[in-house]
Amino acid sequence: MNIVNLDCERRGEPSLAAIAVLKSTGLPSWGYHDDPERIAKDQRRLYKHWDKVG
């Protein structure tokens, strides 16, 4: 995900890591934020961004 995140950052896009979740938990993998509210906020931002694009 690091390469993908760097590419998103360069393009001014939200990180895709918010939706790259573990099947067992439905949450992003280790290394991402532990705060459920922040995860939900990042996911909403991502969906809103891509809804506009596509």
Protein backbone atom coordinates (compact mmCIF):
# COMPACT_ATOMS: atom_id res chain seq x y z
CA MET A 1 0.00 0.00 0.00
CA ASN A 2 2.90 2.40 0.49
CA ILE A 3 3.46 2.89 -3.25
CA VAL A 4 -0.27 3.35 -3.83
CA ASN A 5 -0.49 5.84 -0.96
CA LEU A 6 2.43 7.85 -2.32
CA ASP A 7 0.80 7.98 -5.74
CA CYS A 8 -2.51 9.12 -4.22
CA GLU A 9 -0.68 11.79 -2.22
CA ARG A 10 1.12 13.09 -5.33
CA ARG A 11 -2.22 13.36 -7.14
CA GLY A 12 -3.93 15.10 -4.21
CA GLU A 13 -6.28 12.14 -3.76
CA PRO A 14 -7.36 10.49 -0.49
CA SER A 15 -5.46 7.39 0.56
CA LEU A 16 -6.94 4.08 -0.56
CA ALA A 17 -5.64 2.47 2.64
CA ALA A 18 -8.90 3.41 4.39
CA ILE A 19 -10.77 0.84 2.32
CA ALA A 20 -8.06 -1.83 2.14
CA VAL A 21 -9.55 -3.78 5.04
CA LEU A 22 -8.99 -7.15 6.65
CA LYS A 23 -11.66 -9.71 5.86
CA SER A 24 -11.73 -10.84 9.50
CA THR A 25 -12.39 -7.40 11.00
CA GLY A 26 -13.59 -5.12 8.21
CA LEU A 27 -11.01 -2.60 9.39
CA PRO A 28 -7.81 -1.33 7.77
CA SER A 29 -4.70 -3.33 8.44
CA TRP A 30 -2.03 -2.53 11.03
CA GLY A 31 -0.23 0.74 10.50
CA TYR A 32 -3.43 2.62 9.80
CA HIS A 33 -5.21 4.75 12.39
CA ASP A 34 -6.70 2.95 15.39
CA ASP A 35 -9.47 5.51 15.87
CA PRO A 36 -12.75 4.18 14.41
CA GLU A 37 -14.09 7.73 13.94
CA ARG A 38 -11.02 8.71 11.93
CA ILE A 39 -11.28 5.56 9.83
CA ALA A 40 -14.95 6.31 9.06
CA LYS A 41 -14.11 9.94 8.23
CA ASP A 42 -11.30 8.88 5.88
CA GLN A 43 -13.59 6.34 4.20
CA ARG A 44 -16.33 8.94 3.67
CA ARG A 45 -13.79 11.35 2.23
CA LEU A 46 -12.52 8.68 -0.14
CA TYR A 47 -16.01 7.65 -1.32
CA LYS A 48 -17.01 11.30 -1.79
CA HIS A 49 -13.88 12.00 -3.83
CA TRP A 50 -14.33 9.01 -6.14
CA ASP A 51 -18.07 9.58 -6.46
CA LYS A 52 -17.25 12.98 -8.01
CA VAL A 53 -14.64 11.47 -10.31
CA GLY A 54 -16.60 8.67 -11.48
